[in-house]
Amino acid sequence: MQSYEEMLDLAKKKLPEDALSKERFTVPKVLGHIEGSKTVVSNFGQIADTLGRPAQHLLKYIQKELATPGELRKNAVIFLTKLNASRLNEKVQQYTDEFVICKECGKPDTKLTKDGSVYFIRCQACGARHSITSKI
């Protein structure tokens, strides 16, 4: 008969490699294309849903950071300038770090609230509450 530790090691070896990953939250990469002088991001709604934030709030942040106009159409966004995907992904990651991830525990289980003119992040996992310094 095998010991508990031997059985546990055997079970871990049989698991797929991605099952042992500690990362359960991944931000989707921007998918889109350039049409003339415009950039169309086709999965913008999916990105906002994954982050658990309104698409309009995410769009406002990206517009401010990139200093470019854009408009939301269904689940897509059309920016009126040519933008490469790596720059958009970088801005989405910055938004995630600032408005989604808890500063205390590092988990994405947060709610965004507005009290007066100040935004707060309330973590559902650890209960922490942080104000956000960025002005959108």
Protein backbone atom coordinates (compact mmCIF):
# COMPACT_ATOMS: atom_id res chain seq x y z
CA MET A 1 0.00 0.00 0.00
CA GLN A 2 1.28 3.49 -0.93
CA SER A 3 1.68 6.34 1.52
CA TYR A 4 -0.40 9.48 1.19
CA GLU A 5 2.58 11.53 -0.08
CA GLU A 6 3.35 8.95 -2.80
CA MET A 7 -0.27 8.95 -3.96
CA LEU A 8 -0.30 12.77 -3.97
CA ASP A 9 2.89 12.89 -6.07
CA LEU A 10 1.41 10.37 -8.49
CA ALA A 11 -1.80 12.42 -8.81
CA LYS A 12 0.19 15.62 -9.46
CA LYS A 13 2.16 13.91 -12.23
CA LYS A 14 -1.08 12.89 -13.97
CA LEU A 15 -2.48 16.45 -13.99
CA PRO A 16 -2.05 18.57 -17.13
CA GLU A 17 0.62 21.25 -16.77
CA ASP A 18 -1.78 24.18 -16.99
CA ALA A 19 -3.81 22.78 -14.07
CA LEU A 20 -0.90 23.45 -11.70
CA SER A 21 -0.70 27.08 -12.79
CA LYS A 22 -1.48 29.47 -9.97
CA GLU A 23 -2.80 32.06 -12.44
CA ARG A 24 -6.58 31.81 -12.73
CA PHE A 25 -7.09 35.28 -14.14
CA THR A 26 -5.70 36.25 -17.51
CA VAL A 27 -6.53 39.37 -19.46
CA PRO A 28 -7.48 38.58 -23.07
CA LYS A 29 -5.20 40.04 -25.73
CA VAL A 30 -6.55 42.69 -28.08
CA LEU A 31 -7.86 41.30 -31.37
CA GLY A 32 -8.47 43.67 -34.21
CA HIS A 33 -7.31 45.16 -37.45
CA ILE A 34 -6.52 48.45 -39.14
CA GLU A 35 -8.96 49.89 -41.67
CA GLY A 36 -7.37 52.82 -43.45
CA SER A 37 -6.50 55.30 -40.71
CA LYS A 38 -8.73 53.61 -38.09
CA THR A 39 -8.06 50.77 -35.66
CA VAL A 40 -10.91 48.34 -34.94
CA VAL A 41 -10.70 46.25 -31.75
CA SER A 42 -13.23 43.45 -32.19
CA ASN A 43 -13.03 41.82 -28.73
CA PHE A 44 -13.29 44.95 -26.58
CA GLY A 45 -16.54 43.79 -24.95
CA GLN A 46 -14.97 40.46 -24.01
CA ILE A 47 -11.99 42.25 -22.42
CA ALA A 48 -14.30 44.51 -20.37
CA ASP A 49 -16.41 41.50 -19.30
CA THR A 50 -13.32 39.58 -18.21
CA LEU A 51 -12.14 42.55 -16.16
CA GLY A 52 -15.63 42.97 -14.69
CA ARG A 53 -15.76 46.65 -15.60
CA PRO A 54 -18.03 48.69 -17.88
CA ALA A 55 -16.68 48.89 -21.43
CA GLN A 56 -17.28 52.65 -21.42
CA HIS A 57 -14.99 53.08 -18.38
CA LEU A 58 -12.19 51.04 -19.97
CA LEU A 59 -12.59 52.95 -23.23
CA LYS A 60 -12.41 56.30 -21.44
CA TYR A 61 -9.17 55.25 -19.74
CA ILE A 62 -7.55 54.08 -22.98
CA GLN A 63 -8.65 57.22 -24.82
CA LYS A 64 -7.10 59.38 -22.12
CA GLU A 65 -3.86 57.40 -22.00
CA LEU A 66 -3.37 57.28 -25.77
CA ALA A 67 -4.86 60.75 -26.44
CA THR A 68 -6.96 59.38 -29.27
CA PRO A 69 -10.70 59.51 -29.98
CA GLY A 70 -12.71 56.32 -30.24
CA GLU A 71 -16.25 55.07 -30.16
CA LEU A 72 -17.92 51.96 -28.79
CA ARG A 73 -20.04 49.94 -31.23
CA LYS A 74 -21.66 46.80 -29.85
CA ASN A 75 -18.69 44.68 -28.66
CA ALA A 76 -16.08 46.53 -30.72
CA VAL A 77 -14.26 49.84 -30.47
CA ILE A 78 -13.12 51.99 -33.34
CA PHE A 79 -10.14 54.28 -32.66
CA LEU A 80 -9.66 57.05 -35.18
CA THR A 81 -5.89 56.56 -35.41
CA LYS A 82 -3.62 53.64 -36.26
CA LEU A 83 -2.59 51.82 -33.09
CA ASN A 84 -0.59 48.64 -32.75
CA ALA A 85 -1.85 45.77 -30.61
CA SER A 86 1.13 45.77 -28.24
CA ARG A 87 0.45 49.38 -27.24
CA LEU A 88 -3.25 48.64 -26.66
CA ASN A 89 -2.40 45.50 -24.66
CA GLU A 90 -0.03 47.57 -22.53
CA LYS A 91 -2.78 50.10 -21.74
CA VAL A 92 -5.29 47.34 -20.93
CA GLN A 93 -2.72 45.83 -18.53
CA GLN A 94 -2.16 49.22 -16.89
CA TYR A 95 -5.93 49.59 -16.46
CA THR A 96 -6.09 46.11 -14.93
CA ASP A 97 -3.30 46.90 -12.47
CA GLU A 98 -4.88 50.20 -11.46
CA PHE A 99 -8.64 49.47 -11.50
CA VAL A 100 -9.06 45.68 -11.13
CA ILE A 101 -6.29 44.00 -9.10
CA CYS A 102 -6.46 44.37 -5.30
CA LYS A 103 -3.42 46.14 -3.86
CA GLU A 104 -3.51 44.00 -0.69
CA CYS A 105 -3.98 40.42 -1.86
CA GLY A 106 -3.39 40.73 -5.62
CA LYS A 107 -6.67 39.07 -6.59
CA PRO A 108 -8.98 40.33 -9.36
CA ASP A 109 -12.15 39.82 -7.30
CA THR A 110 -12.93 43.51 -6.88
CA LYS A 111 -15.83 45.90 -7.34
CA LEU A 112 -15.42 49.46 -8.53
CA THR A 113 -17.49 52.07 -6.69
CA LYS A 114 -17.67 55.83 -6.93
CA ASP A 115 -18.14 57.95 -3.81
CA GLY A 116 -18.56 61.57 -4.83
CA SER A 117 -15.79 62.20 -7.34
CA VAL A 118 -13.45 59.49 -6.01
CA TYR A 119 -13.34 55.89 -7.26
CA PHE A 120 -12.75 53.07 -4.78
CA ILE A 121 -11.84 49.42 -5.28
CA ARG A 122 -13.46 47.04 -2.80
CA CYS A 123 -11.93 43.57 -2.74
CA GLN A 124 -14.45 40.74 -2.43
CA ALA A 125 -11.72 38.31 -1.34
CA CYS A 126 -9.96 40.14 1.50
CA GLY A 127 -12.30 43.08 2.18
CA ALA A 128 -9.71 45.79 1.52
CA ARG A 129 -10.82 49.17 0.19
CA HIS A 130 -8.50 51.45 -1.78
CA SER A 131 -9.01 54.80 -3.43
CA ILE A 132 -7.81 55.26 -6.98
CA THR A 133 -5.56 58.19 -7.75
CA SER A 134 -6.15 58.23 -11.51
CA LYS A 135 -8.61 60.77 -12.82
CA ILE A 136 -10.75 59.59 -15.68
